[in-house]
């Protein structure tokens, strides 16, 4: 994961702690999948939930939450999604 590698350059321990905290931030999305605002302008069905300085982009389905991307707040999110040709 790029986030882990970036943080681990300074502190692998901090990187691992951050990833564990980030993963815990996914849990509320399972109980309330529509809690994050819609970002249909970026991709149909896409929603976002903030965690610290990061945006968790996800798609809720009937059975699961698909984490599409976790992006730092200073990144150009519109460009990231316009360049993304992958389907989830």
C-alpha atoms as a PDB file:
ATOM      1  CA  UNK A   1       0.000   0.000   0.000  1.00  0.00           C
ATOM      2  CA  UNK A   2       1.404   3.370  -1.017  1.00  0.00           C
ATOM      3  CA  UNK A   3       0.268   5.098   2.171  1.00  0.00           C
ATOM      4  CA  UNK A   4       2.101   2.584   4.341  1.00  0.00           C
ATOM      5  CA  UNK A   5       5.284   2.891   2.261  1.00  0.00           C
ATOM      6  CA  UNK A   6       5.198   6.689   2.415  1.00  0.00           C
ATOM      7  CA  UNK A   7       4.813   6.793   6.199  1.00  0.00           C
ATOM      8  CA  UNK A   8       7.189   3.854   6.719  1.00  0.00           C
ATOM      9  CA  UNK A   9      10.020   5.811   5.118  1.00  0.00           C
ATOM     10  CA  UNK A  10      10.120   7.678   8.441  1.00  0.00           C
ATOM     11  CA  UNK A  11       8.647   5.078  10.791  1.00  0.00           C
ATOM     12  CA  UNK A  12       7.425   1.568   9.928  1.00  0.00           C
ATOM     13  CA  UNK A  13       5.735   1.339  13.326  1.00  0.00           C
ATOM     14  CA  UNK A  14       3.758   4.521  12.768  1.00  0.00           C
ATOM     15  CA  UNK A  15       2.851   3.332   9.284  1.00  0.00           C
ATOM     16  CA  UNK A  16       1.447   0.066  10.610  1.00  0.00           C
ATOM     17  CA  UNK A  17      -0.500   1.849  13.359  1.00  0.00           C
ATOM     18  CA  UNK A  18      -1.969   4.279  10.843  1.00  0.00           C
ATOM     19  CA  UNK A  19      -3.091   1.460   8.537  1.00  0.00           C
ATOM     20  CA  UNK A  20      -4.794  -0.337  11.442  1.00  0.00           C
ATOM     21  CA  UNK A  21      -6.628   2.887  12.347  1.00  0.00           C
ATOM     22  CA  UNK A  22      -7.570   3.458   8.716  1.00  0.00           C
ATOM     23  CA  UNK A  23      -8.991  -0.058   8.451  1.00  0.00           C
ATOM     24  CA  UNK A  24     -11.076   0.572  11.595  1.00  0.00           C
ATOM     25  CA  UNK A  25     -12.533   3.624   9.848  1.00  0.00           C
ATOM     26  CA  UNK A  26     -14.042   1.250   7.256  1.00  0.00           C
ATOM     27  CA  UNK A  27     -16.208  -0.509   9.871  1.00  0.00           C
ATOM     28  CA  UNK A  28     -18.901   2.190  10.281  1.00  0.00           C
ATOM     29  CA  UNK A  29     -19.440   2.096   6.530  1.00  0.00           C
ATOM     30  CA  UNK A  30     -20.711  -1.483   6.882  1.00  0.00           C
ATOM     31  CA  UNK A  31     -23.429  -0.371   9.303  1.00  0.00           C
ATOM     32  CA  UNK A  32     -24.270   2.873   7.492  1.00  0.00           C
ATOM     33  CA  UNK A  33     -23.194   2.502   3.861  1.00  0.00           C
ATOM     34  CA  UNK A  34     -24.841   5.732   2.772  1.00  0.00           C
ATOM     35  CA  UNK A  35     -23.236   7.858   5.512  1.00  0.00           C
ATOM     36  CA  UNK A  36     -20.668   9.410   3.170  1.00  0.00           C
ATOM     37  CA  UNK A  37     -21.793  11.987   0.637  1.00  0.00           C
ATOM     38  CA  UNK A  38     -22.327  10.884  -2.931  1.00  0.00           C
ATOM     39  CA  UNK A  39     -19.590  11.639  -5.468  1.00  0.00           C
ATOM     40  CA  UNK A  40     -21.524  10.578  -8.572  1.00  0.00           C
ATOM     41  CA  UNK A  41     -19.796  13.359 -10.505  1.00  0.00           C
ATOM     42  CA  UNK A  42     -16.573  11.354 -10.195  1.00  0.00           C
ATOM     43  CA  UNK A  43     -18.128   7.934 -10.811  1.00  0.00           C
ATOM     44  CA  UNK A  44     -21.676   6.558 -10.499  1.00  0.00           C
ATOM     45  CA  UNK A  45     -22.399   5.074  -7.072  1.00  0.00           C
ATOM     46  CA  UNK A  46     -19.211   6.454  -5.542  1.00  0.00           C
ATOM     47  CA  UNK A  47     -19.299   7.849  -2.010  1.00  0.00           C
ATOM     48  CA  UNK A  48     -16.632   9.394   0.234  1.00  0.00           C
ATOM     49  CA  UNK A  49     -15.910   9.325   3.953  1.00  0.00           C
ATOM     50  CA  UNK A  50     -13.160  11.413   5.524  1.00  0.00           C
ATOM     51  CA  UNK A  51     -10.539  10.010   7.875  1.00  0.00           C
ATOM     52  CA  UNK A  52      -7.967  12.474   9.186  1.00  0.00           C
ATOM     53  CA  UNK A  53      -6.336  14.016   6.097  1.00  0.00           C
ATOM     54  CA  UNK A  54      -7.553  11.238   3.801  1.00  0.00           C
ATOM     55  CA  UNK A  55     -10.677  10.590   1.773  1.00  0.00           C
ATOM     56  CA  UNK A  56     -11.963   7.017   1.646  1.00  0.00           C
ATOM     57  CA  UNK A  57     -13.763   6.505  -1.647  1.00  0.00           C
ATOM     58  CA  UNK A  58     -16.103   3.545  -1.640  1.00  0.00           C
ATOM     59  CA  UNK A  59     -19.062   1.955  -3.381  1.00  0.00           C
ATOM     60  CA  UNK A  60     -21.773   0.307  -1.293  1.00  0.00           C
ATOM     61  CA  UNK A  61     -23.391  -2.804  -2.740  1.00  0.00           C
ATOM     62  CA  UNK A  62     -26.122  -5.052  -1.379  1.00  0.00           C
ATOM     63  CA  UNK A  63     -23.537  -7.372   0.176  1.00  0.00           C
ATOM     64  CA  UNK A  64     -20.412  -5.344   0.831  1.00  0.00           C
ATOM     65  CA  UNK A  65     -18.543  -2.079   0.799  1.00  0.00           C
ATOM     66  CA  UNK A  66     -15.957  -1.830  -1.954  1.00  0.00           C
ATOM     67  CA  UNK A  67     -13.081   0.447  -0.989  1.00  0.00           C
ATOM     68  CA  UNK A  68     -12.092   1.984  -4.297  1.00  0.00           C
ATOM     69  CA  UNK A  69      -9.302   4.288  -3.217  1.00  0.00           C
ATOM     70  CA  UNK A  70      -7.899   6.116  -0.205  1.00  0.00           C
ATOM     71  CA  UNK A  71      -6.494   9.497  -1.199  1.00  0.00           C
ATOM     72  CA  UNK A  72      -4.712  12.232   0.733  1.00  0.00           C
ATOM     73  CA  UNK A  73      -6.713  15.433   0.907  1.00  0.00           C
ATOM     74  CA  UNK A  74      -4.133  17.462  -1.013  1.00  0.00           C
ATOM     75  CA  UNK A  75      -4.320  15.233  -4.088  1.00  0.00           C
ATOM     76  CA  UNK A  76      -6.359  16.250  -7.138  1.00  0.00           C
ATOM     77  CA  UNK A  77      -9.248  13.822  -6.701  1.00  0.00           C
ATOM     78  CA  UNK A  78     -11.041  14.782  -9.911  1.00  0.00           C
ATOM     79  CA  UNK A  79      -7.969  14.023 -12.024  1.00  0.00           C
ATOM     80  CA  UNK A  80      -7.335  10.748 -10.183  1.00  0.00           C
ATOM     81  CA  UNK A  81     -10.795   9.483 -11.037  1.00  0.00           C
ATOM     82  CA  UNK A  82     -10.878  10.853 -14.585  1.00  0.00           C
ATOM     83  CA  UNK A  83      -7.651   8.952 -15.310  1.00  0.00           C
ATOM     84  CA  UNK A  84      -8.996   5.755 -13.747  1.00  0.00           C
ATOM     85  CA  UNK A  85     -10.278   3.360 -16.364  1.00  0.00           C
ATOM     86  CA  UNK A  86     -10.755   0.449 -13.969  1.00  0.00           C
ATOM     87  CA  UNK A  87     -14.103  -0.917 -12.874  1.00  0.00           C
ATOM     88  CA  UNK A  88     -14.836  -2.149  -9.413  1.00  0.00           C
END
